[in-house]
Amino acid sequence: MCTPVEFTITKRGRPLMIIDGYSYVQDRRTDDKTYWRCENHKTFNWHYRIHTCNSTITTTHVKILKQNGNHTTSCNRDQIKISLRKFRENLVDRTHNTQESTDTV
């Protein structure tokens, strides 16, 4: 069964997956699987991870193979942070792919 997701990138250009408002940074990738870790793993010293199947990843859905750990109440879903991240990604994309002046962008 596939889970609906959104993809974006971090400030450092790493893939970021958003599921149910929780953000996961790509940790590593093999031929078959991609390993994701909770974005807050350093802040709260968590080891929450998700393994996804590479053959079923689309831009809107992934097949989750395994989940390790649980999110706690302190790992809140921050919709404002997610919206700002998407806005920043769109802004950077516009600056690279259009001929608009910086005043217009």
PDB file of N, CA and C in Angstrom:
ATOM      1  N   MET A   1       0.843  -1.181   0.000  1.00  0.00           N
ATOM      2  CA  MET A   1       0.000   0.000   0.000  1.00  0.00           C
ATOM      3  C   MET A   1       0.891   1.249   0.000  1.00  0.00           C
ATOM      4  N   CYS A   2       0.557   2.202  -0.828  1.00  0.00           N
ATOM      5  CA  CYS A   2       1.357   3.416  -0.953  1.00  0.00           C
ATOM      6  C   CYS A   2       0.819   4.520  -0.051  1.00  0.00           C
ATOM      7  N   THR A   3       1.720   5.299   0.484  1.00  0.00           N
ATOM      8  CA  THR A   3       1.395   6.391   1.391  1.00  0.00           C
ATOM      9  C   THR A   3       1.579   7.720   0.670  1.00  0.00           C
ATOM     10  N   PRO A   4       0.607   8.652   0.806  1.00  0.00           N
ATOM     11  CA  PRO A   4       0.781   9.965   0.172  1.00  0.00           C
ATOM     12  C   PRO A   4       1.894  10.763   0.848  1.00  0.00           C
ATOM     13  N   VAL A   5       2.729  11.397   0.034  1.00  0.00           N
ATOM     14  CA  VAL A   5       3.868  12.167   0.538  1.00  0.00           C
ATOM     15  C   VAL A   5       4.053  13.436  -0.285  1.00  0.00           C
ATOM     16  N   GLU A   6       4.901  14.298   0.237  1.00  0.00           N
ATOM     17  CA  GLU A   6       5.374  15.464  -0.499  1.00  0.00           C
ATOM     18  C   GLU A   6       6.891  15.434  -0.417  1.00  0.00           C
ATOM     19  N   PHE A   7       7.541  15.894  -1.473  1.00  0.00           N
ATOM     20  CA  PHE A   7       8.998  15.956  -1.483  1.00  0.00           C
ATOM     21  C   PHE A   7       9.443  17.391  -1.662  1.00  0.00           C
ATOM     22  N   THR A   8      10.518  17.737  -1.004  1.00  0.00           N
ATOM     23  CA  THR A   8      11.161  19.036  -1.158  1.00  0.00           C
ATOM     24  C   THR A   8      12.646  18.820  -0.886  1.00  0.00           C
ATOM     25  N   ILE A   9      13.391  19.891  -0.709  1.00  0.00           N
ATOM     26  CA  ILE A   9      14.813  19.745  -0.416  1.00  0.00           C
ATOM     27  C   ILE A   9      15.170  20.583   0.803  1.00  0.00           C
ATOM     28  N   THR A  10      16.259  20.215   1.463  1.00  0.00           N
ATOM     29  CA  THR A  10      16.738  20.976   2.613  1.00  0.00           C
ATOM     30  C   THR A  10      17.576  22.150   2.116  1.00  0.00           C
ATOM     31  N   LYS A  11      18.006  22.996   3.034  1.00  0.00           N
ATOM     32  CA  LYS A  11      18.868  24.124   2.668  1.00  0.00           C
ATOM     33  C   LYS A  11      20.179  23.656   2.052  1.00  0.00           C
ATOM     34  N   ARG A  12      20.608  22.480   2.421  1.00  0.00           N
ATOM     35  CA  ARG A  12      21.865  21.936   1.897  1.00  0.00           C
ATOM     36  C   ARG A  12      21.655  21.072   0.657  1.00  0.00           C
ATOM     37  N   GLY A  13      20.437  21.046   0.150  1.00  0.00           N
ATOM     38  CA  GLY A  13      20.163  20.332  -1.091  1.00  0.00           C
ATOM     39  C   GLY A  13      19.866  18.857  -0.952  1.00  0.00           C
ATOM     40  N   ARG A  14      19.623  18.380   0.263  1.00  0.00           N
ATOM     41  CA  ARG A  14      19.303  16.966   0.463  1.00  0.00           C
ATOM     42  C   ARG A  14      17.809  16.742   0.307  1.00  0.00           C
ATOM     43  N   PRO A  15      17.411  15.587  -0.213  1.00  0.00           N
ATOM     44  CA  PRO A  15      15.987  15.292  -0.356  1.00  0.00           C
ATOM     45  C   PRO A  15      15.297  15.234   1.007  1.00  0.00           C
ATOM     46  N   LEU A  16      14.084  15.762   1.056  1.00  0.00           N
ATOM     47  CA  LEU A  16      13.292  15.782   2.277  1.00  0.00           C
ATOM     48  C   LEU A  16      11.907  15.256   1.937  1.00  0.00           C
ATOM     49  N   MET A  17      11.427  14.287   2.702  1.00  0.00           N
ATOM     50  CA  MET A  17      10.121  13.682   2.488  1.00  0.00           C
ATOM     51  C   MET A  17       9.203  14.092   3.635  1.00  0.00           C
ATOM     52  N   ILE A  18       7.968  14.482   3.306  1.00  0.00           N
ATOM     53  CA  ILE A  18       7.001  14.900   4.319  1.00  0.00           C
ATOM     54  C   ILE A  18       5.821  13.934   4.279  1.00  0.00           C
ATOM     55  N   ILE A  19       5.578  13.269   5.412  1.00  0.00           N
ATOM     56  CA  ILE A  19       4.449  12.350   5.556  1.00  0.00           C
ATOM     57  C   ILE A  19       3.662  12.771   6.782  1.00  0.00           C
ATOM     58  N   ASP A  20       2.376  13.028   6.616  1.00  0.00           N
ATOM     59  CA  ASP A  20       1.489  13.424   7.721  1.00  0.00           C
ATOM     60  C   ASP A  20       2.044  14.599   8.519  1.00  0.00           C
ATOM     61  N   GLY A  21       2.753  15.502   7.869  1.00  0.00           N
ATOM     62  CA  GLY A  21       3.287  16.678   8.542  1.00  0.00           C
ATOM     63  C   GLY A  21       4.630  16.474   9.215  1.00  0.00           C
ATOM     64  N   TYR A  22       5.144  15.250   9.226  1.00  0.00           N
ATOM     65  CA  TYR A  22       6.465  14.972   9.783  1.00  0.00           C
ATOM     66  C   TYR A  22       7.494  14.974   8.657  1.00  0.00           C
ATOM     67  N   SER A  23       8.666  15.523   8.918  1.00  0.00           N
ATOM     68  CA  SER A  23       9.706  15.659   7.899  1.00  0.00           C
ATOM     69  C   SER A  23      10.810  14.635   8.119  1.00  0.00           C
ATOM     70  N   TYR A  24      11.251  14.028   7.020  1.00  0.00           N
ATOM     71  CA  TYR A  24      12.307  13.023   7.052  1.00  0.00           C
ATOM     72  C   TYR A  24      13.377  13.384   6.031  1.00  0.00           C
ATOM     73  N   VAL A  25      14.629  13.370   6.453  1.00  0.00           N
ATOM     74  CA  VAL A  25      15.759  13.658   5.580  1.00  0.00           C
ATOM     75  C   VAL A  25      16.307  12.333   5.061  1.00  0.00           C
ATOM     76  N   GLN A  26      16.672  12.313   3.770  1.00  0.00           N
ATOM     77  CA  GLN A  26      17.251  11.093   3.214  1.00  0.00           C
ATOM     78  C   GLN A  26      18.588  10.832   3.884  1.00  0.00           C
ATOM     79  N   ASP A  27      18.720   9.645   4.455  1.00  0.00           N
ATOM     80  CA  ASP A  27      19.943   9.267   5.153  1.00  0.00           C
ATOM     81  C   ASP A  27      20.903   8.564   4.199  1.00  0.00           C
ATOM     82  N   ARG A  28      20.412   7.532   3.537  1.00  0.00           N
ATOM     83  CA  ARG A  28      21.216   6.839   2.534  1.00  0.00           C
ATOM     84  C   ARG A  28      20.297   6.109   1.572  1.00  0.00           C
ATOM     85  N   ARG A  29      20.894   5.622   0.490  1.00  0.00           N
ATOM     86  CA  ARG A  29      20.105   4.986  -0.561  1.00  0.00           C
ATOM     87  C   ARG A  29      20.884   3.799  -1.123  1.00  0.00           C
ATOM     88  N   THR A  30      20.182   2.686  -1.327  1.00  0.00           N
ATOM     89  CA  THR A  30      20.760   1.526  -1.992  1.00  0.00           C
ATOM     90  C   THR A  30      19.983   1.312  -3.289  1.00  0.00           C
ATOM     91  N   ASP A  31      20.270   0.223  -3.987  1.00  0.00           N
ATOM     92  CA  ASP A  31      19.542  -0.058  -5.228  1.00  0.00           C
ATOM     93  C   ASP A  31      18.056  -0.296  -4.977  1.00  0.00           C
ATOM     94  N   ASP A  32      17.723  -0.923  -3.848  1.00  0.00           N
ATOM     95  CA  ASP A  32      16.342  -1.303  -3.567  1.00  0.00           C
ATOM     96  C   ASP A  32      15.607  -0.360  -2.629  1.00  0.00           C
ATOM     97  N   LYS A  33      16.319   0.209  -1.655  1.00  0.00           N
ATOM     98  CA  LYS A  33      15.666   0.974  -0.590  1.00  0.00           C
ATOM     99  C   LYS A  33      16.270   2.364  -0.435  1.00  0.00           C
ATOM    100  N   THR A  34      15.448   3.248   0.146  1.00  0.00           N
ATOM    101  CA  THR A  34      15.930   4.546   0.600  1.00  0.00           C
ATOM    102  C   THR A  34      15.652   4.624   2.088  1.00  0.00           C
ATOM    103  N   TYR A  35      16.634   5.059   2.856  1.00  0.00           N
ATOM    104  CA  TYR A  35      16.520   5.165   4.303  1.00  0.00           C
ATOM    105  C   TYR A  35      16.359   6.638   4.662  1.00  0.00           C
ATOM    106  N   TRP A  36      15.314   6.933   5.429  1.00  0.00           N
ATOM    107  CA  TRP A  36      15.010   8.304   5.838  1.00  0.00           C
ATOM    108  C   TRP A  36      15.063   8.375   7.352  1.00  0.00           C
ATOM    109  N   ARG A  37      15.496   9.514   7.891  1.00  0.00           N
ATOM    110  CA  ARG A  37      15.496   9.693   9.347  1.00  0.00           C
ATOM    111  C   ARG A  37      14.707  10.949   9.686  1.00  0.00           C
ATOM    112  N   CYS A  38      14.171  10.979  10.888  1.00  0.00           N
ATOM    113  CA  CYS A  38      13.398  12.128  11.355  1.00  0.00           C
ATOM    114  C   CYS A  38      14.274  13.375  11.299  1.00  0.00           C
ATOM    115  N   GLU A  39      13.695  14.465  10.829  1.00  0.00           N
ATOM    116  CA  GLU A  39      14.448  15.711  10.716  1.00  0.00           C
ATOM    117  C   GLU A  39      14.944  16.196  12.076  1.00  0.00           C
ATOM    118  N   ASN A  40      14.251  15.842  13.145  1.00  0.00           N
ATOM    119  CA  ASN A  40      14.615  16.286  14.496  1.00  0.00           C
ATOM    120  C   ASN A  40      15.514  15.289  15.224  1.00  0.00           C
ATOM    121  N   HIS A  41      16.190  14.407  14.489  1.00  0.00           N
ATOM    122  CA  HIS A  41      16.967  13.365  15.162  1.00  0.00           C
ATOM    123  C   HIS A  41      18.104  13.922  16.008  1.00  0.00           C
ATOM    124  N   LYS A  42      18.704  15.022  15.610  1.00  0.00           N
ATOM    125  CA  LYS A  42      19.799  15.596  16.411  1.00  0.00           C
ATOM    126  C   LYS A  42      19.267  16.412  17.585  1.00  0.00           C
ATOM    127  N   THR A  43      18.169  17.120  17.371  1.00  0.00           N
ATOM    128  CA  THR A  43      17.610  17.963  18.421  1.00  0.00           C
ATOM    129  C   THR A  43      17.173  17.142  19.626  1.00  0.00           C
ATOM    130  N   PHE A  44      16.485  16.022  19.371  1.00  0.00           N
ATOM    131  CA  PHE A  44      15.921  15.230  20.461  1.00  0.00           C
ATOM    132  C   PHE A  44      16.607  13.878  20.641  1.00  0.00           C
ATOM    133  N   ASN A  45      17.689  13.625  19.874  1.00  0.00           N
ATOM    134  CA  ASN A  45      18.412  12.357  19.942  1.00  0.00           C
ATOM    135  C   ASN A  45      17.488  11.161  19.699  1.00  0.00           C
ATOM    136  N   TRP A  46      16.673  11.252  18.640  1.00  0.00           N
ATOM    137  CA  TRP A  46      15.774  10.158  18.269  1.00  0.00           C
ATOM    138  C   TRP A  46      16.369   9.364  17.134  1.00  0.00           C
ATOM    139  N   HIS A  47      15.920   8.162  17.034  1.00  0.00           N
ATOM    140  CA  HIS A  47      16.372   7.299  15.958  1.00  0.00           C
ATOM    141  C   HIS A  47      15.180   6.805  15.143  1.00  0.00           C
ATOM    142  N   TYR A  48      14.204   7.695  14.935  1.00  0.00           N
ATOM    143  CA  TYR A  48      13.034   7.331  14.138  1.00  0.00           C
ATOM    144  C   TYR A  48      13.434   7.281  12.677  1.00  0.00           C
ATOM    145  N   ARG A  49      13.174   6.149  12.022  1.00  0.00           N
ATOM    146  CA  ARG A  49      13.571   5.962  10.629  1.00  0.00           C
ATOM    147  C   ARG A  49      12.440   5.328   9.836  1.00  0.00           C
ATOM    148  N   ILE A  50      12.466   5.583   8.540  1.00  0.00           N
ATOM    149  CA  ILE A  50      11.532   4.961   7.605  1.00  0.00           C
ATOM    150  C   ILE A  50      12.346   4.402   6.450  1.00  0.00           C
ATOM    151  N   HIS A  51      11.986   3.189   6.017  1.00  0.00           N
ATOM    152  CA  HIS A  51      12.610   2.585   4.846  1.00  0.00           C
ATOM    153  C   HIS A  51      11.550   2.556   3.749  1.00  0.00           C
ATOM    154  N   THR A  52      11.885   3.057   2.558  1.00  0.00           N
ATOM    155  CA  THR A  52      10.948   3.044   1.438  1.00  0.00           C
ATOM    156  C   THR A  52      11.530   2.237   0.286  1.00  0.00           C
ATOM    157  N   CYS A  53      10.643   1.723  -0.540  1.00  0.00           N
ATOM    158  CA  CYS A  53      11.026   0.935  -1.707  1.00  0.00           C
ATOM    159  C   CYS A  53      11.270   1.880  -2.882  1.00  0.00           C
ATOM    160  N   ASN A  54      12.448   1.807  -3.496  1.00  0.00           N
ATOM    161  CA  ASN A  54      12.787   2.711  -4.597  1.00  0.00           C
ATOM    162  C   ASN A  54      11.930   2.496  -5.837  1.00  0.00           C
ATOM    163  N   SER A  55      11.487   1.271  -6.076  1.00  0.00           N
ATOM    164  CA  SER A  55      10.739   1.004  -7.303  1.00  0.00           C
ATOM    165  C   SER A  55       9.326   1.582  -7.267  1.00  0.00           C
ATOM    166  N   THR A  56       8.832   1.936  -6.087  1.00  0.00           N
ATOM    167  CA  THR A  56       7.465   2.456  -5.990  1.00  0.00           C
ATOM    168  C   THR A  56       7.407   3.933  -5.638  1.00  0.00           C
ATOM    169  N   ILE A  57       8.541   4.616  -5.592  1.00  0.00           N
ATOM    170  CA  ILE A  57       8.534   6.037  -5.246  1.00  0.00           C
ATOM    171  C   ILE A  57       8.074   6.851  -6.445  1.00  0.00           C
ATOM    172  N   THR A  58       7.041   7.657  -6.238  1.00  0.00           N
ATOM    173  CA  THR A  58       6.602   8.633  -7.233  1.00  0.00           C
ATOM    174  C   THR A  58       6.681  10.001  -6.565  1.00  0.00           C
ATOM    175  N   THR A  59       6.237  11.025  -7.257  1.00  0.00           N
ATOM    176  CA  THR A  59       6.292  12.361  -6.654  1.00  0.00           C
ATOM    177  C   THR A  59       5.207  12.558  -5.611  1.00  0.00           C
ATOM    178  N   THR A  60       4.225  11.660  -5.553  1.00  0.00           N
ATOM    179  CA  THR A  60       3.124  11.840  -4.607  1.00  0.00           C
ATOM    180  C   THR A  60       2.906  10.664  -3.665  1.00  0.00           C
ATOM    181  N   HIS A  61       3.512   9.506  -3.924  1.00  0.00           N
ATOM    182  CA  HIS A  61       3.290   8.324  -3.089  1.00  0.00           C
ATOM    183  C   HIS A  61       4.577   7.509  -2.938  1.00  0.00           C
ATOM    184  N   VAL A  62       4.708   6.848  -1.796  1.00  0.00           N
ATOM    185  CA  VAL A  62       5.814   5.914  -1.564  1.00  0.00           C
ATOM    186  C   VAL A  62       5.266   4.662  -0.898  1.00  0.00           C
ATOM    187  N   LYS A  63       5.996   3.575  -1.044  1.00  0.00           N
ATOM    188  CA  LYS A  63       5.660   2.345  -0.335  1.00  0.00           C
ATOM    189  C   LYS A  63       6.615   2.228   0.842  1.00  0.00           C
ATOM    190  N   ILE A  64       6.059   2.274   2.050  1.00  0.00           N
ATOM    191  CA  ILE A  64       6.871   2.174   3.265  1.00  0.00           C
ATOM    192  C   ILE A  64       7.097   0.706   3.575  1.00  0.00           C
ATOM    193  N   LEU A  65       8.357   0.325   3.668  1.00  0.00           N
ATOM    194  CA  LEU A  65       8.707  -1.053   3.976  1.00  0.00           C
ATOM    195  C   LEU A  65       8.828  -1.287   5.473  1.00  0.00           C
ATOM    196  N   LYS A  66       9.361  -0.290   6.192  1.00  0.00           N
ATOM    197  CA  LYS A  66       9.612  -0.467   7.623  1.00  0.00           C
ATOM    198  C   LYS A  66       9.646   0.887   8.307  1.00  0.00           C
ATOM    199  N   GLN A  67       9.150   0.926   9.546  1.00  0.00           N
ATOM    200  CA  GLN A  67       9.240   2.120  10.387  1.00  0.00           C
ATOM    201  C   GLN A  67       9.846   1.710  11.716  1.00  0.00           C
ATOM    202  N   ASN A  68      10.867   2.439  12.139  1.00  0.00           N
ATOM    203  CA  ASN A  68      11.510   2.176  13.431  1.00  0.00           C
ATOM    204  C   ASN A  68      11.252   3.345  14.356  1.00  0.00           C
ATOM    205  N   GLY A  69      10.736   3.072  15.548  1.00  0.00           N
ATOM    206  CA  GLY A  69      10.522   4.117  16.537  1.00  0.00           C
ATOM    207  C   GLY A  69       9.149   4.747  16.428  1.00  0.00           C
ATOM    208  N   ASN A  70       8.893   5.688  17.321  1.00  0.00           N
ATOM    209  CA  ASN A  70       7.622   6.410  17.357  1.00  0.00           C
ATOM    210  C   ASN A  70       7.890   7.891  17.538  1.00  0.00           C
ATOM    211  N   HIS A  71       7.022   8.699  16.947  1.00  0.00           N
ATOM    212  CA  HIS A  71       7.103  10.132  17.190  1.00  0.00           C
ATOM    213  C   HIS A  71       6.454  10.421  18.532  1.00  0.00           C
ATOM    214  N   THR A  72       7.011  11.377  19.254  1.00  0.00           N
ATOM    215  CA  THR A  72       6.428  11.778  20.526  1.00  0.00           C
ATOM    216  C   THR A  72       5.770  13.137  20.353  1.00  0.00           C
ATOM    217  N   THR A  73       5.119  13.617  21.392  1.00  0.00           N
ATOM    218  CA  THR A  73       4.432  14.905  21.306  1.00  0.00           C
ATOM    219  C   THR A  73       5.402  16.059  21.111  1.00  0.00           C
ATOM    220  N   SER A  74       6.658  15.897  21.535  1.00  0.00           N
ATOM    221  CA  SER A  74       7.620  16.983  21.346  1.00  0.00           C
ATOM    222  C   SER A  74       8.081  17.103  19.892  1.00  0.00           C
ATOM    223  N   CYS A  75       7.838  16.079  19.092  1.00  0.00           N
ATOM    224  CA  CYS A  75       8.162  16.143  17.661  1.00  0.00           C
ATOM    225  C   CYS A  75       6.900  16.590  16.924  1.00  0.00           C
ATOM    226  N   ASN A  76       6.589  17.863  17.088  1.00  0.00           N
ATOM    227  CA  ASN A  76       5.336  18.362  16.533  1.00  0.00           C
ATOM    228  C   ASN A  76       5.424  18.558  15.034  1.00  0.00           C
ATOM    229  N   ARG A  77       4.258  18.507  14.419  1.00  0.00           N
ATOM    230  CA  ARG A  77       4.159  18.746  12.989  1.00  0.00           C
ATOM    231  C   ARG A  77       4.037  20.247  12.783  1.00  0.00           C
ATOM    232  N   ASP A  78       5.024  20.828  12.178  1.00  0.00           N
ATOM    233  CA  ASP A  78       5.084  22.275  12.020  1.00  0.00           C
ATOM    234  C   ASP A  78       4.734  22.654  10.585  1.00  0.00           C
ATOM    235  N   GLN A  79       3.454  22.956  10.349  1.00  0.00           N
ATOM    236  CA  GLN A  79       2.987  23.288   9.002  1.00  0.00           C
ATOM    237  C   GLN A  79       3.581  24.601   8.508  1.00  0.00           C
ATOM    238  N   ILE A  80       3.829  25.540   9.399  1.00  0.00           N
ATOM    239  CA  ILE A  80       4.411  26.819   8.987  1.00  0.00           C
ATOM    240  C   ILE A  80       5.824  26.596   8.454  1.00  0.00           C
ATOM    241  N   LYS A  81       6.600  25.783   9.148  1.00  0.00           N
ATOM    242  CA  LYS A  81       7.963  25.488   8.711  1.00  0.00           C
ATOM    243  C   LYS A  81       7.954  24.794   7.347  1.00  0.00           C
ATOM    244  N   ILE A  82       7.021  23.874   7.159  1.00  0.00           N
ATOM    245  CA  ILE A  82       6.912  23.166   5.882  1.00  0.00           C
ATOM    246  C   ILE A  82       6.518  24.129   4.772  1.00  0.00           C
ATOM    247  N   SER A  83       5.568  25.015   5.046  1.00  0.00           N
ATOM    248  CA  SER A  83       5.141  26.001   4.043  1.00  0.00           C
ATOM    249  C   SER A  83       6.281  26.944   3.675  1.00  0.00           C
ATOM    250  N   LEU A  84       7.039  27.392   4.665  1.00  0.00           N
ATOM    251  CA  LEU A  84       8.181  28.269   4.393  1.00  0.00           C
ATOM    252  C   LEU A  84       9.254  27.561   3.570  1.00  0.00           C
ATOM    253  N   ARG A  85       9.461  26.295   3.855  1.00  0.00           N
ATOM    254  CA  ARG A  85      10.453  25.528   3.098  1.00  0.00           C
ATOM    255  C   ARG A  85      10.029  25.411   1.625  1.00  0.00           C
ATOM    256  N   LYS A  86       8.744  25.145   1.383  1.00  0.00           N
ATOM    257  CA  LYS A  86       8.243  25.053   0.006  1.00  0.00           C
ATOM    258  C   LYS A  86       8.334  26.402  -0.693  1.00  0.00           C
ATOM    259  N   PHE A  87       8.020  27.480   0.021  1.00  0.00           N
ATOM    260  CA  PHE A  87       8.117  28.820  -0.549  1.00  0.00           C
ATOM    261  C   PHE A  87       9.555  29.123  -0.956  1.00  0.00           C
ATOM    262  N   ARG A  88      10.494  28.809  -0.078  1.00  0.00           N
ATOM    263  CA  ARG A  88      11.908  29.042  -0.372  1.00  0.00           C
ATOM    264  C   ARG A  88      12.352  28.235  -1.587  1.00  0.00           C
ATOM    265  N   GLU A  89      11.922  26.975  -1.662  1.00  0.00           N
ATOM    266  CA  GLU A  89      12.295  26.140  -2.803  1.00  0.00           C
ATOM    267  C   GLU A  89      11.753  26.724  -4.110  1.00  0.00           C
ATOM    268  N   ASN A  90      10.508  27.195  -4.092  1.00  0.00           N
ATOM    269  CA  ASN A  90       9.922  27.808  -5.289  1.00  0.00           C
ATOM    270  C   ASN A  90      10.651  29.090  -5.666  1.00  0.00           C
ATOM    271  N   LEU A  91      11.029  29.867  -4.672  1.00  0.00           N
ATOM    272  CA  LEU A  91      11.744  31.118  -4.916  1.00  0.00           C
ATOM    273  C   LEU A  91      13.112  30.857  -5.557  1.00  0.00           C
ATOM    274  N   VAL A  92      13.843  29.901  -5.023  1.00  0.00           N
ATOM    275  CA  VAL A  92      15.146  29.547  -5.585  1.00  0.00           C
ATOM    276  C   VAL A  92      14.975  29.018  -7.007  1.00  0.00           C
ATOM    277  N   ASP A  93      13.945  28.206  -7.220  1.00  0.00           N
ATOM    278  CA  ASP A  93      13.682  27.670  -8.553  1.00  0.00           C
ATOM    279  C   ASP A  93      13.398  28.796  -9.548  1.00  0.00           C
ATOM    280  N   ARG A  94      12.612  29.782  -9.129  1.00  0.00           N
ATOM    281  CA  ARG A  94      12.315  30.924 -10.011  1.00  0.00           C
ATOM    282  C   ARG A  94      13.564  31.717 -10.353  1.00  0.00           C
ATOM    283  N   THR A  95      14.449  31.894  -9.394  1.00  0.00           N
ATOM    284  CA  THR A  95      15.661  32.672  -9.675  1.00  0.00           C
ATOM    285  C   THR A  95      16.582  31.955 -10.655  1.00  0.00           C
ATOM    286  N   HIS A  96      16.575  30.629 -10.624  1.00  0.00           N
ATOM    287  CA  HIS A  96      17.447  29.867 -11.515  1.00  0.00           C
ATOM    288  C   HIS A  96      16.837  29.640 -12.895  1.00  0.00           C
ATOM    289  N   ASN A  97      15.517  29.575 -12.980  1.00  0.00           N
ATOM    290  CA  ASN A  97      14.881  29.146 -14.222  1.00  0.00           C
ATOM    291  C   ASN A  97      14.104  30.220 -14.962  1.00  0.00           C
ATOM    292  N   THR A  98      14.118  31.451 -14.505  1.00  0.00           N
ATOM    293  CA  THR A  98      13.422  32.519 -15.218  1.00  0.00           C
ATOM    294  C   THR A  98      14.373  33.683 -15.451  1.00  0.00           C
ATOM    295  N   GLN A  99      13.949  34.573 -16.289  1.00  0.00           N
ATOM    296  CA  GLN A  99      14.747  35.761 -16.586  1.00  0.00           C
ATOM    297  C   GLN A  99      14.250  36.975 -15.796  1.00  0.00           C
ATOM    298  N   GLU A 100      13.427  36.743 -14.777  1.00  0.00           N
ATOM    299  CA  GLU A 100      12.887  37.839 -13.974  1.00  0.00           C
ATOM    300  C   GLU A 100      14.009  38.531 -13.203  1.00  0.00           C
ATOM    301  N   SER A 101      13.843  39.816 -12.997  1.00  0.00           N
ATOM    302  CA  SER A 101      14.827  40.543 -12.191  1.00  0.00           C
ATOM    303  C   SER A 101      14.640  40.183 -10.720  1.00  0.00           C
ATOM    304  N   THR A 102      15.638  40.459  -9.923  1.00  0.00           N
ATOM    305  CA  THR A 102      15.542  40.134  -8.497  1.00  0.00           C
ATOM    306  C   THR A 102      14.465  40.958  -7.803  1.00  0.00           C
ATOM    307  N   ASP A 103      14.186  42.154  -8.324  1.00  0.00           N
ATOM    308  CA  ASP A 103      13.107  42.963  -7.747  1.00  0.00           C
ATOM    309  C   ASP A 103      11.753  42.295  -7.942  1.00  0.00           C
ATOM    310  N   THR A 104      11.557  41.644  -9.083  1.00  0.00           N
ATOM    311  CA  THR A 104      10.279  41.000  -9.371  1.00  0.00           C
ATOM    312  C   THR A 104      10.123  39.706  -8.598  1.00  0.00           C
ATOM    313  N   VAL A 105      11.206  38.963  -8.493  1.00  0.00           N
ATOM    314  CA  VAL A 105      11.160  37.681  -7.792  1.00  0.00           C
ATOM    315  C   VAL A 105      10.948  37.955  -6.331  1.00  0.00           C
TER     316      VAL A 105
END
